[in-house]
């Protein structure tokens, strides 16, 4: 039995979606503004190859609509427990500005180049590394009111917090530079985990924290 093909192969097809784009009525992702939407602004040095000795966030804090400071999970390979970054965290705490993290220059980037693994694996891994440095490096002990936003639902952190807590108990406390607080205590007090988690184990671990600032759902989204 023959079935007619509509439209016939090779025939020009009139596009139905073009009209709104050529008339200026198309909508793009940037046009979607759900309530509470925030935008990121990047401040770059005006001097090439300059060594930044300090960052003044007070001017930004005084501007309308500023809600947080945006920072990488590492800075040119230097971990967030590096003493050089402490004055930035200290000032953010004083001004009541949360520090929102996002992975940049992720760990093991050379091995992660194939298959888009820099994003699929590198981003959540680097988020977990940053969280561990903030805890074990003593940053959150010295700054108990500092609020940190971990992207991608905390990355690997929700999956390995028990392992980190065991290490906290078993290793030399002076080397870890942390107090007796357990890892979930830091999560409840200092960390927010926004984003989309695609695995139920991560959600299960977050529920065990009972009070961690988690705003996590399962579902599909861009990584």
N, C-alpha and C. Protein backbone atom coordinates (compact mmCIF):
# COMPACT_ATOMS: atom_id res chain seq x y z
N UNK A 1 0.85 -1.19 0.00
CA UNK A 1 0.00 0.00 0.00
C UNK A 1 0.89 1.24 0.00
N UNK A 2 0.53 2.16 -0.86
CA UNK A 2 1.28 3.41 -0.94
C UNK A 2 0.65 4.46 -0.04
N UNK A 3 1.51 5.18 0.67
CA UNK A 3 1.03 6.27 1.51
C UNK A 3 1.52 7.60 0.95
N UNK A 4 0.65 8.56 0.79
CA UNK A 4 1.09 9.86 0.27
C UNK A 4 1.99 10.57 1.27
N UNK A 5 2.97 11.25 0.76
CA UNK A 5 3.91 12.00 1.62
C UNK A 5 3.53 13.47 1.56
N UNK A 6 3.28 14.05 2.70
CA UNK A 6 2.93 15.48 2.75
C UNK A 6 3.95 16.22 3.63
N UNK A 7 4.64 17.20 3.10
CA UNK A 7 4.66 17.54 1.67
C UNK A 7 5.52 16.56 0.91
N UNK A 8 5.38 16.50 -0.40
CA UNK A 8 6.21 15.61 -1.21
C UNK A 8 7.69 15.92 -1.00
N UNK A 9 8.53 14.88 -1.08
CA UNK A 9 9.98 15.06 -0.90
C UNK A 9 10.51 16.05 -1.93
N UNK A 10 11.32 16.99 -1.45
CA UNK A 10 11.93 17.96 -2.35
C UNK A 10 11.13 19.23 -2.51
N UNK A 11 9.90 19.25 -2.04
CA UNK A 11 9.07 20.45 -2.19
C UNK A 11 9.40 21.45 -1.09
N UNK A 12 9.42 22.71 -1.43
CA UNK A 12 9.71 23.76 -0.47
C UNK A 12 8.58 23.83 0.57
N UNK A 13 8.98 24.00 1.83
CA UNK A 13 8.00 24.03 2.92
C UNK A 13 7.98 25.42 3.52
N UNK A 14 6.82 25.98 3.62
CA UNK A 14 6.68 27.31 4.20
C UNK A 14 6.85 27.21 5.73
N UNK A 15 7.79 27.96 6.26
CA UNK A 15 8.03 27.94 7.71
C UNK A 15 6.93 28.70 8.45
N UNK A 16 6.45 28.07 9.51
CA UNK A 16 5.35 28.67 10.26
C UNK A 16 5.82 29.57 11.39
N UNK A 17 7.09 29.36 11.84
CA UNK A 17 7.54 30.12 13.00
C UNK A 17 8.27 31.41 12.64
N UNK A 18 8.53 31.61 11.32
CA UNK A 18 9.36 32.75 10.92
C UNK A 18 8.69 34.09 11.16
N UNK A 19 7.39 34.16 11.02
CA UNK A 19 6.68 35.42 11.06
C UNK A 19 6.99 36.22 12.32
N UNK A 20 6.99 35.56 13.50
CA UNK A 20 7.21 36.32 14.72
C UNK A 20 8.64 36.84 14.84
N UNK A 21 9.58 36.13 14.22
CA UNK A 21 10.97 36.59 14.30
C UNK A 21 11.23 37.79 13.38
N UNK A 22 10.67 37.77 12.18
CA UNK A 22 10.92 38.86 11.24
C UNK A 22 10.07 40.08 11.55
N UNK A 23 9.06 39.94 12.41
CA UNK A 23 8.23 41.09 12.78
C UNK A 23 8.58 41.62 14.17
N UNK A 24 9.64 41.06 14.81
CA UNK A 24 10.08 41.57 16.10
C UNK A 24 9.25 41.12 17.28
N UNK A 25 8.46 40.08 17.10
CA UNK A 25 7.61 39.62 18.20
C UNK A 25 8.07 38.27 18.75
N UNK A 26 9.24 37.80 18.33
CA UNK A 26 9.76 36.54 18.84
C UNK A 26 10.20 36.70 20.30
N UNK A 27 10.13 35.62 21.05
CA UNK A 27 10.56 35.62 22.45
C UNK A 27 11.73 34.68 22.62
N UNK A 28 12.72 35.15 23.37
CA UNK A 28 13.93 34.37 23.61
C UNK A 28 14.09 34.17 25.12
N UNK A 29 15.07 33.33 25.49
CA UNK A 29 15.28 33.04 26.90
C UNK A 29 15.50 34.33 27.70
N UNK A 30 16.19 35.29 27.09
CA UNK A 30 16.47 36.55 27.79
C UNK A 30 15.20 37.36 28.05
N UNK A 31 14.13 37.03 27.34
CA UNK A 31 12.88 37.76 27.53
C UNK A 31 12.06 37.20 28.70
N UNK A 32 12.45 36.03 29.20
CA UNK A 32 11.70 35.41 30.29
C UNK A 32 12.21 35.94 31.62
N UNK A 33 11.36 36.59 32.35
CA UNK A 33 11.75 37.20 33.62
C UNK A 33 10.79 36.75 34.73
N UNK A 34 11.00 35.54 35.25
CA UNK A 34 10.16 35.09 36.38
C UNK A 34 10.39 35.99 37.59
N UNK A 35 9.45 36.05 38.51
CA UNK A 35 9.64 36.86 39.72
C UNK A 35 10.92 36.47 40.46
N UNK A 36 11.67 37.47 40.87
CA UNK A 36 12.91 37.21 41.61
C UNK A 36 14.12 36.96 40.74
N UNK A 37 13.99 37.14 39.42
CA UNK A 37 15.12 36.91 38.53
C UNK A 37 16.26 37.90 38.82
N UNK A 38 17.47 37.39 38.88
CA UNK A 38 18.65 38.22 39.10
C UNK A 38 19.57 38.11 37.90
N UNK A 39 20.38 39.14 37.67
CA UNK A 39 21.34 39.15 36.58
C UNK A 39 22.75 39.32 37.14
N UNK A 40 23.72 38.81 36.42
CA UNK A 40 25.11 38.88 36.86
C UNK A 40 25.84 39.97 36.09
N UNK A 41 26.63 40.76 36.80
CA UNK A 41 27.50 41.77 36.18
C UNK A 41 28.94 41.44 36.54
N UNK A 42 29.84 41.50 35.56
CA UNK A 42 31.24 41.21 35.79
C UNK A 42 32.04 42.50 35.78
N UNK A 43 32.86 42.67 36.79
CA UNK A 43 33.74 43.84 36.88
C UNK A 43 35.15 43.40 36.54
N UNK A 44 35.73 43.99 35.55
CA UNK A 44 37.08 43.62 35.12
C UNK A 44 38.06 44.75 35.41
N UNK A 45 39.29 44.37 35.67
CA UNK A 45 40.33 45.37 35.93
C UNK A 45 40.58 46.20 34.69
N UNK A 46 40.79 47.49 34.88
CA UNK A 46 41.08 48.39 33.76
C UNK A 46 42.57 48.37 33.41
N UNK A 47 43.36 47.64 34.20
CA UNK A 47 44.81 47.57 33.96
C UNK A 47 45.18 46.15 33.54
N UNK A 48 45.85 46.03 32.41
CA UNK A 48 46.26 44.71 31.94
C UNK A 48 47.36 44.13 32.82
N UNK A 49 47.24 42.88 33.18
CA UNK A 49 48.26 42.15 33.96
C UNK A 49 48.51 42.79 35.32
N UNK A 50 47.51 43.46 35.86
CA UNK A 50 47.68 44.08 37.17
C UNK A 50 47.49 43.03 38.27
N UNK A 51 48.14 43.25 39.38
CA UNK A 51 47.95 42.38 40.55
C UNK A 51 46.92 43.03 41.46
N UNK A 52 45.78 42.36 41.62
CA UNK A 52 44.70 42.90 42.43
C UNK A 52 45.02 42.65 43.90
N UNK A 53 45.17 43.71 44.66
CA UNK A 53 45.53 43.60 46.08
C UNK A 53 44.31 43.62 46.99
N UNK A 54 43.23 44.20 46.55
CA UNK A 54 42.02 44.24 47.37
C UNK A 54 40.81 44.46 46.47
N UNK A 55 39.65 44.10 46.99
CA UNK A 55 38.39 44.30 46.26
C UNK A 55 37.43 45.03 47.18
N UNK A 56 36.95 46.17 46.73
CA UNK A 56 36.01 46.97 47.51
C UNK A 56 34.60 46.70 47.01
N UNK A 57 33.80 46.03 47.84
CA UNK A 57 32.44 45.68 47.43
C UNK A 57 31.41 46.68 47.95
N UNK A 58 31.86 47.70 48.67
CA UNK A 58 30.91 48.63 49.29
C UNK A 58 30.15 49.44 48.25
N UNK A 59 30.84 49.84 47.17
CA UNK A 59 30.16 50.61 46.13
C UNK A 59 29.07 49.76 45.50
N UNK A 60 29.40 48.50 45.22
CA UNK A 60 28.39 47.60 44.64
C UNK A 60 27.23 47.39 45.60
N UNK A 61 27.55 47.27 46.88
CA UNK A 61 26.50 47.03 47.88
C UNK A 61 25.52 48.19 47.96
N UNK A 62 26.01 49.40 47.69
CA UNK A 62 25.15 50.58 47.79
C UNK A 62 24.24 50.76 46.57
N UNK A 63 24.50 50.01 45.50
CA UNK A 63 23.69 50.13 44.30
C UNK A 63 22.36 49.41 44.47
N UNK A 64 21.30 49.92 43.86
CA UNK A 64 19.99 49.27 44.00
C UNK A 64 19.97 47.91 43.33
N UNK A 65 19.36 46.95 44.00
CA UNK A 65 19.15 45.64 43.40
C UNK A 65 20.27 44.64 43.60
N UNK A 66 21.38 45.05 44.23
CA UNK A 66 22.50 44.11 44.44
C UNK A 66 22.13 43.13 45.54
N UNK A 67 22.26 41.83 45.26
CA UNK A 67 21.83 40.80 46.21
C UNK A 67 22.97 39.91 46.67
N UNK A 68 24.05 39.78 45.89
CA UNK A 68 25.11 38.85 46.25
C UNK A 68 26.37 39.16 45.46
N UNK A 69 27.47 38.55 45.88
CA UNK A 69 28.74 38.63 45.16
C UNK A 69 28.95 37.32 44.43
N UNK A 70 29.35 37.39 43.18
CA UNK A 70 29.52 36.21 42.33
C UNK A 70 31.00 35.88 42.25
N UNK A 71 31.36 34.61 42.48
CA UNK A 71 32.78 34.24 42.56
C UNK A 71 32.97 32.84 42.02
N UNK A 72 34.14 32.55 41.49
CA UNK A 72 34.45 31.23 40.99
C UNK A 72 34.71 30.24 42.12
N UNK A 73 34.57 28.95 41.81
CA UNK A 73 34.88 27.91 42.80
C UNK A 73 36.38 27.80 43.04
N UNK A 74 37.15 28.40 42.16
CA UNK A 74 38.58 28.61 42.37
C UNK A 74 38.96 29.84 41.56
N UNK A 75 40.07 30.42 41.86
CA UNK A 75 40.52 31.61 41.13
C UNK A 75 41.91 31.31 40.58
N UNK A 76 41.96 31.07 39.27
CA UNK A 76 43.22 30.70 38.61
C UNK A 76 43.90 29.53 39.32
N UNK A 77 43.08 28.55 39.73
CA UNK A 77 43.62 27.37 40.36
C UNK A 77 43.86 27.49 41.85
N UNK A 78 43.65 28.65 42.41
CA UNK A 78 43.83 28.84 43.86
C UNK A 78 42.51 28.55 44.56
N UNK A 79 42.56 27.70 45.58
CA UNK A 79 41.36 27.29 46.28
C UNK A 79 40.82 28.41 47.17
N UNK A 80 39.55 28.30 47.51
CA UNK A 80 38.89 29.36 48.27
C UNK A 80 39.34 29.40 49.73
N UNK A 81 40.09 28.40 50.18
CA UNK A 81 40.67 28.45 51.51
C UNK A 81 41.97 29.25 51.54
N UNK A 82 42.43 29.70 50.38
CA UNK A 82 43.64 30.52 50.30
C UNK A 82 43.45 31.78 51.13
N UNK A 83 44.40 32.11 52.03
CA UNK A 83 44.25 33.31 52.88
C UNK A 83 44.06 34.60 52.10
N UNK A 84 44.49 34.61 50.84
CA UNK A 84 44.36 35.84 50.06
C UNK A 84 42.90 36.23 49.84
N UNK A 85 41.99 35.25 49.88
CA UNK A 85 40.58 35.54 49.63
C UNK A 85 39.81 35.86 50.90
N UNK A 86 40.42 35.64 52.05
CA UNK A 86 39.69 35.83 53.30
C UNK A 86 39.15 37.25 53.47
N UNK A 87 39.92 38.30 53.13
CA UNK A 87 39.37 39.66 53.27
C UNK A 87 38.11 39.89 52.45
N UNK A 88 38.00 39.22 51.30
CA UNK A 88 36.79 39.36 50.48
C UNK A 88 35.61 38.73 51.21
N UNK A 89 35.79 37.51 51.70
CA UNK A 89 34.72 36.84 52.45
C UNK A 89 34.36 37.62 53.71
N UNK A 90 35.36 38.14 54.37
CA UNK A 90 35.13 38.89 55.60
C UNK A 90 34.29 40.13 55.34
N UNK A 91 34.59 40.82 54.25
CA UNK A 91 33.83 42.03 53.93
C UNK A 91 32.41 41.68 53.50
N UNK A 92 32.25 40.58 52.78
CA UNK A 92 30.90 40.15 52.37
C UNK A 92 30.05 39.84 53.60
N UNK A 93 30.64 39.18 54.59
CA UNK A 93 29.89 38.90 55.81
C UNK A 93 29.50 40.20 56.51
N UNK A 94 30.42 41.15 56.58
CA UNK A 94 30.14 42.42 57.26
C UNK A 94 29.00 43.18 56.58
N UNK A 95 28.94 43.08 55.25
CA UNK A 95 27.92 43.80 54.50
C UNK A 95 26.64 42.98 54.31
N UNK A 96 26.65 41.74 54.78
CA UNK A 96 25.47 40.89 54.63
C UNK A 96 25.23 40.44 53.20
N UNK A 97 26.30 40.30 52.41
CA UNK A 97 26.18 39.87 51.03
C UNK A 97 26.53 38.39 50.90
N UNK A 98 25.61 37.54 50.46
CA UNK A 98 25.96 36.15 50.20
C UNK A 98 26.98 36.05 49.07
N UNK A 99 27.76 34.98 49.08
CA UNK A 99 28.74 34.73 48.02
C UNK A 99 28.20 33.60 47.15
N UNK A 100 27.84 33.92 45.93
CA UNK A 100 27.36 32.92 44.99
C UNK A 100 28.52 32.35 44.19
N UNK A 101 28.70 31.04 44.22
CA UNK A 101 29.81 30.40 43.53
C UNK A 101 29.37 29.82 42.20
N UNK A 102 30.32 29.72 41.28
CA UNK A 102 30.10 29.00 40.03
C UNK A 102 31.43 28.48 39.53
N UNK A 103 31.47 27.24 38.99
CA UNK A 103 32.74 26.66 38.56
C UNK A 103 33.38 27.42 37.40
N UNK A 104 34.69 27.62 37.52
CA UNK A 104 35.53 28.15 36.45
C UNK A 104 36.85 27.38 36.48
N UNK A 105 37.45 27.12 35.31
CA UNK A 105 38.74 26.44 35.25
C UNK A 105 38.73 25.20 36.15
N UNK A 106 37.84 24.28 35.87
CA UNK A 106 37.57 23.18 36.79
C UNK A 106 38.77 22.24 36.90
N UNK A 107 38.83 21.52 37.99
CA UNK A 107 39.90 20.58 38.26
C UNK A 107 39.90 19.45 37.24
N UNK A 108 41.07 19.09 36.73
CA UNK A 108 41.18 18.01 35.75
C UNK A 108 40.64 18.36 34.39
N UNK A 109 40.67 19.64 34.03
CA UNK A 109 40.04 20.09 32.79
C UNK A 109 40.60 19.40 31.55
N UNK A 110 41.89 19.08 31.54
CA UNK A 110 42.49 18.45 30.37
C UNK A 110 41.88 17.08 30.11
N UNK A 111 41.65 16.31 31.16
CA UNK A 111 41.06 14.99 31.00
C UNK A 111 39.57 15.07 30.68
N UNK A 112 38.95 16.19 30.97
CA UNK A 112 37.50 16.32 30.81
C UNK A 112 37.11 16.96 29.48
N UNK A 113 38.07 17.22 28.62
CA UNK A 113 37.74 17.89 27.35
C UNK A 113 36.78 17.08 26.48
N UNK A 114 36.98 15.76 26.34
CA UNK A 114 36.04 15.01 25.47
C UNK A 114 34.64 14.93 26.08
N UNK A 115 33.67 14.78 25.20
CA UNK A 115 32.29 14.45 25.56
C UNK A 115 31.61 15.49 26.43
N UNK A 116 32.09 16.73 26.41
CA UNK A 116 31.45 17.79 27.20
C UNK A 116 31.57 17.53 28.70
N UNK A 117 32.57 16.71 29.11
CA UNK A 117 32.70 16.34 30.52
C UNK A 117 33.14 17.51 31.39
N UNK A 118 33.73 18.54 30.78
CA UNK A 118 34.10 19.72 31.58
C UNK A 118 32.87 20.27 32.29
N UNK A 119 31.74 20.26 31.58
CA UNK A 119 30.49 20.72 32.18
C UNK A 119 29.81 19.60 32.97
N UNK A 120 29.66 18.44 32.35
CA UNK A 120 28.86 17.37 32.94
C UNK A 120 29.45 16.84 34.24
N UNK A 121 30.79 16.73 34.31
CA UNK A 121 31.44 16.26 35.52
C UNK A 121 32.24 17.35 36.22
N UNK A 122 32.97 18.14 35.45
CA UNK A 122 33.86 19.13 36.04
C UNK A 122 33.14 20.15 36.91
N UNK A 123 32.00 20.64 36.45
CA UNK A 123 31.29 21.67 37.23
C UNK A 123 30.82 21.16 38.59
N UNK A 124 30.10 20.03 38.66
CA UNK A 124 29.68 19.57 39.99
C UNK A 124 30.86 19.15 40.87
N UNK A 125 31.93 18.59 40.28
CA UNK A 125 33.09 18.22 41.08
C UNK A 125 33.73 19.46 41.71
N UNK A 126 33.90 20.50 40.90
CA UNK A 126 34.58 21.69 41.41
C UNK A 126 33.76 22.39 42.49
N UNK A 127 32.43 22.31 42.38
CA UNK A 127 31.58 22.86 43.43
C UNK A 127 31.82 22.13 44.75
N UNK A 128 31.93 20.80 44.69
CA UNK A 128 32.21 20.03 45.89
C UNK A 128 33.57 20.35 46.48
N UNK A 129 34.57 20.54 45.63
CA UNK A 129 35.91 20.90 46.11
C UNK A 129 35.88 22.24 46.82
N UNK A 130 35.18 23.21 46.23
CA UNK A 130 35.10 24.54 46.85
C UNK A 130 34.43 24.48 48.22
N UNK A 131 33.34 23.72 48.33
CA UNK A 131 32.64 23.60 49.61
C UNK A 131 33.55 22.98 50.66
N UNK A 132 34.30 21.94 50.28
CA UNK A 132 35.20 21.28 51.22
C UNK A 132 36.28 22.23 51.71
N UNK A 133 36.81 23.06 50.82
CA UNK A 133 37.85 24.01 51.22
C UNK A 133 37.30 25.07 52.17
N UNK A 134 36.08 25.50 51.94
CA UNK A 134 35.50 26.50 52.84
C UNK A 134 35.31 25.94 54.24
N UNK A 135 34.98 24.65 54.33
CA UNK A 135 34.77 24.01 55.64
C UNK A 135 36.10 23.63 56.27
N UNK A 136 36.89 22.80 55.57
CA UNK A 136 38.12 22.28 56.16
C UNK A 136 39.20 23.36 56.29
N UNK A 137 39.11 24.39 55.46
CA UNK A 137 40.07 25.49 55.55
C UNK A 137 39.75 26.48 56.66
N UNK A 138 38.63 26.26 57.37
CA UNK A 138 38.30 27.10 58.51
C UNK A 138 37.62 28.41 58.17
N UNK A 139 37.31 28.63 56.89
CA UNK A 139 36.69 29.90 56.49
C UNK A 139 35.34 30.09 57.18
N UNK A 140 34.52 29.03 57.19
CA UNK A 140 33.18 29.14 57.77
C UNK A 140 33.20 29.14 59.30
N UNK A 141 34.29 28.69 59.90
CA UNK A 141 34.44 28.82 61.35
C UNK A 141 34.77 30.25 61.73
N UNK A 142 35.65 30.86 60.96
CA UNK A 142 36.06 32.23 61.26
C UNK A 142 34.98 33.23 60.88
N UNK A 143 34.13 32.84 59.94
CA UNK A 143 33.06 33.74 59.48
C UNK A 143 31.72 33.00 59.59
N UNK A 144 31.20 32.80 60.78
CA UNK A 144 30.00 31.98 60.97
C UNK A 144 28.73 32.55 60.36
N UNK A 145 28.72 33.85 60.04
CA UNK A 145 27.52 34.45 59.46
C UNK A 145 27.60 34.58 57.94
N UNK A 146 28.71 34.16 57.36
CA UNK A 146 28.86 34.22 55.91
C UNK A 146 27.92 33.21 55.26
N UNK A 147 27.19 33.65 54.24
CA UNK A 147 26.29 32.77 53.50
C UNK A 147 26.88 32.46 52.12
N UNK A 148 26.92 31.18 51.77
CA UNK A 148 27.52 30.73 50.52
C UNK A 148 26.46 29.98 49.71
N UNK A 149 26.36 30.31 48.43
CA UNK A 149 25.41 29.67 47.53
C UNK A 149 26.18 28.70 46.64
N UNK A 150 25.90 27.40 46.78
CA UNK A 150 26.55 26.36 45.98
C UNK A 150 25.66 26.02 44.79
N UNK A 151 26.14 26.18 43.56
CA UNK A 151 25.29 25.95 42.38
C UNK A 151 25.07 24.46 42.12
N UNK A 152 24.22 24.19 41.16
CA UNK A 152 23.94 22.83 40.71
C UNK A 152 23.56 21.92 41.88
N UNK A 153 22.72 22.45 42.77
CA UNK A 153 22.24 21.69 43.93
C UNK A 153 23.37 21.19 44.80
N UNK A 154 24.47 21.94 44.82
CA UNK A 154 25.61 21.56 45.65
C UNK A 154 26.62 20.69 44.95
N UNK A 155 26.38 20.35 43.67
CA UNK A 155 27.33 19.52 42.93
C UNK A 155 27.50 18.16 43.58
N UNK A 156 28.73 17.70 43.73
CA UNK A 156 29.01 16.40 44.35
C UNK A 156 28.85 16.44 45.86
N UNK A 157 28.75 17.62 46.43
CA UNK A 157 28.76 17.74 47.89
C UNK A 157 27.66 16.95 48.58
N UNK A 158 26.40 16.98 48.10
CA UNK A 158 25.35 16.20 48.77
C UNK A 158 25.62 14.70 48.76
N UNK A 159 26.43 14.22 47.82
CA UNK A 159 26.66 12.78 47.68
C UNK A 159 27.82 12.30 48.55
N UNK A 160 28.70 13.19 48.96
CA UNK A 160 29.91 12.75 49.68
C UNK A 160 30.03 13.39 51.06
N UNK A 161 28.97 14.04 51.56
CA UNK A 161 29.12 14.73 52.84
C UNK A 161 29.45 13.76 53.97
N UNK A 162 28.92 12.51 53.90
CA UNK A 162 29.23 11.53 54.93
C UNK A 162 30.71 11.17 54.92
N UNK A 163 31.27 11.04 53.75
CA UNK A 163 32.70 10.74 53.61
C UNK A 163 33.55 11.89 54.16
N UNK A 164 33.12 13.12 53.85
CA UNK A 164 33.84 14.29 54.36
C UNK A 164 33.75 14.36 55.89
N UNK A 165 32.58 14.03 56.42
CA UNK A 165 32.42 14.08 57.87
C UNK A 165 33.31 13.03 58.55
N UNK A 166 33.42 11.85 57.94
CA UNK A 166 34.30 10.82 58.50
C UNK A 166 35.75 11.31 58.51
N UNK A 167 36.15 11.96 57.41
CA UNK A 167 37.50 12.50 57.36
C UNK A 167 37.72 13.57 58.41
N UNK A 168 36.68 14.38 58.63
CA UNK A 168 36.78 15.44 59.64
C UNK A 168 37.03 14.84 61.02
N UNK A 169 36.42 13.69 61.29
CA UNK A 169 36.56 13.06 62.61
C UNK A 169 37.89 12.33 62.76
N UNK A 170 38.40 11.77 61.66
CA UNK A 170 39.55 10.88 61.75
C UNK A 170 40.90 11.55 61.53
N UNK A 171 40.92 12.63 60.77
CA UNK A 171 42.20 13.27 60.48
C UNK A 171 42.57 14.29 61.54
N UNK A 172 43.80 14.72 61.47
CA UNK A 172 44.32 15.69 62.42
C UNK A 172 43.52 16.98 62.33
N UNK A 173 42.86 17.35 63.42
CA UNK A 173 42.00 18.54 63.41
C UNK A 173 42.79 19.80 63.12
N UNK A 174 44.04 19.85 63.56
CA UNK A 174 44.84 21.06 63.33
C UNK A 174 45.13 21.24 61.85
N UNK A 175 45.24 20.10 61.13
CA UNK A 175 45.48 20.19 59.69
C UNK A 175 44.23 20.65 58.96
N UNK A 176 43.05 20.24 59.48
CA UNK A 176 41.80 20.60 58.83
C UNK A 176 41.34 22.01 59.19
N UNK A 177 41.79 22.51 60.35
CA UNK A 177 41.45 23.86 60.80
C UNK A 177 39.94 24.06 60.88
N UNK A 178 39.24 23.10 61.48
CA UNK A 178 37.79 23.22 61.64
C UNK A 178 37.42 22.98 63.09
N UNK A 179 36.21 23.39 63.44
CA UNK A 179 35.71 23.17 64.79
C UNK A 179 35.08 21.79 64.90
N UNK A 180 34.41 21.54 65.99
CA UNK A 180 33.77 20.24 66.20
C UNK A 180 32.45 20.12 65.45
N UNK A 181 32.00 21.17 64.76
CA UNK A 181 30.75 21.10 64.00
C UNK A 181 30.84 19.99 62.96
N UNK A 182 29.75 19.24 62.81
CA UNK A 182 29.70 18.25 61.74
C UNK A 182 29.40 18.96 60.42
N UNK A 183 29.68 18.24 59.34
CA UNK A 183 29.46 18.83 58.01
C UNK A 183 28.03 19.32 57.83
N UNK A 184 26.98 18.55 58.22
CA UNK A 184 25.62 19.06 58.05
C UNK A 184 25.36 20.35 58.82
N UNK A 185 26.06 20.58 59.92
CA UNK A 185 25.87 21.82 60.67
C UNK A 185 26.29 23.03 59.84
N UNK A 186 27.40 22.88 59.10
CA UNK A 186 27.82 23.97 58.22
C UNK A 186 26.77 24.21 57.14
N UNK A 187 26.20 23.13 56.63
CA UNK A 187 25.18 23.26 55.59
C UNK A 187 23.95 23.98 56.10
N UNK A 188 23.52 23.65 57.29
CA UNK A 188 22.34 24.30 57.87
C UNK A 188 22.59 25.77 58.13
N UNK A 189 23.79 26.07 58.56
CA UNK A 189 24.08 27.42 59.01
C UNK A 189 24.50 28.36 57.89
N UNK A 190 25.27 27.85 56.93
CA UNK A 190 25.99 28.75 56.03
C UNK A 190 25.74 28.54 54.55
N UNK A 191 25.07 27.46 54.13
CA UNK A 191 25.05 27.14 52.72
C UNK A 191 23.64 27.01 52.16
N UNK A 192 23.47 27.47 50.92
CA UNK A 192 22.24 27.31 50.16
C UNK A 192 22.57 26.51 48.92
N UNK A 193 21.68 25.58 48.55
CA UNK A 193 21.95 24.68 47.43
C UNK A 193 20.86 24.82 46.37
N UNK A 194 20.86 25.89 45.60
CA UNK A 194 19.83 26.04 44.57
C UNK A 194 20.17 25.21 43.34
N UNK A 195 19.19 24.95 42.52
CA UNK A 195 19.46 24.28 41.26
C UNK A 195 18.60 23.06 41.07
N UNK A 196 18.99 22.25 40.11
CA UNK A 196 18.23 21.06 39.75
C UNK A 196 19.10 19.84 39.99
N UNK A 197 18.58 18.91 40.80
CA UNK A 197 19.27 17.64 41.02
C UNK A 197 18.56 16.56 40.22
N UNK A 198 19.31 15.73 39.53
CA UNK A 198 18.71 14.71 38.69
C UNK A 198 18.72 13.34 39.33
N UNK A 199 19.20 13.24 40.57
CA UNK A 199 19.29 11.94 41.21
C UNK A 199 18.62 11.96 42.57
N UNK A 200 17.86 10.93 42.87
CA UNK A 200 17.18 10.84 44.16
C UNK A 200 18.14 10.71 45.33
N UNK A 201 19.31 10.01 45.20
CA UNK A 201 20.22 9.96 46.35
C UNK A 201 20.64 11.33 46.85
N UNK A 202 20.86 12.28 45.92
CA UNK A 202 21.24 13.62 46.35
C UNK A 202 20.13 14.26 47.15
N UNK A 203 18.89 14.09 46.69
CA UNK A 203 17.76 14.64 47.42
C UNK A 203 17.60 13.98 48.78
N UNK A 204 17.82 12.67 48.84
CA UNK A 204 17.71 11.96 50.10
C UNK A 204 18.70 12.47 51.12
N UNK A 205 19.93 12.72 50.68
CA UNK A 205 20.94 13.25 51.60
C UNK A 205 20.57 14.65 52.07
N UNK A 206 20.02 15.46 51.17
CA UNK A 206 19.64 16.81 51.57
C UNK A 206 18.53 16.78 52.61
N UNK A 207 17.60 15.85 52.47
CA UNK A 207 16.52 15.74 53.46
C UNK A 207 17.06 15.38 54.84
N UNK A 208 18.15 14.64 54.89
CA UNK A 208 18.73 14.24 56.17
C UNK A 208 19.31 15.43 56.92
N UNK A 209 19.61 16.51 56.21
CA UNK A 209 20.19 17.66 56.89
C UNK A 209 19.13 18.41 57.70
N UNK A 210 17.86 18.27 57.34
CA UNK A 210 16.75 18.85 58.10
C UNK A 210 17.00 20.32 58.46
N UNK A 211 16.98 21.12 57.47
CA UNK A 211 17.15 22.54 57.73
C UNK A 211 18.19 23.19 56.85
N UNK A 212 18.98 22.40 56.13
CA UNK A 212 19.90 23.01 55.18
C UNK A 212 19.09 23.80 54.17
N UNK A 213 19.61 24.93 53.75
CA UNK A 213 18.86 25.82 52.87
C UNK A 213 18.87 25.26 51.45
N UNK A 214 18.09 24.21 51.24
CA UNK A 214 18.06 23.55 49.94
C UNK A 214 16.81 23.95 49.18
N UNK A 215 16.98 24.36 47.94
CA UNK A 215 15.83 24.65 47.07
C UNK A 215 16.03 23.78 45.84
N UNK A 216 15.79 22.49 45.99
CA UNK A 216 16.20 21.52 44.99
C UNK A 216 15.02 20.73 44.48
N UNK A 217 15.01 20.45 43.17
CA UNK A 217 13.96 19.65 42.57
C UNK A 217 14.59 18.64 41.63
N UNK A 218 13.85 17.62 41.26
CA UNK A 218 14.31 16.71 40.22
C UNK A 218 13.69 17.14 38.92
N UNK A 219 14.36 16.84 37.83
CA UNK A 219 13.80 17.19 36.54
C UNK A 219 14.88 17.34 35.50
N UNK A 220 14.55 17.95 34.40
CA UNK A 220 15.48 18.12 33.30
C UNK A 220 15.72 19.60 33.08
N UNK A 221 16.95 19.92 32.79
CA UNK A 221 17.29 21.30 32.44
C UNK A 221 18.63 21.26 31.75
N UNK A 222 19.09 22.39 31.27
CA UNK A 222 20.45 22.46 30.76
C UNK A 222 21.40 22.20 31.92
N UNK A 223 22.54 21.56 31.69
CA UNK A 223 23.46 21.27 32.80
C UNK A 223 23.88 22.53 33.53
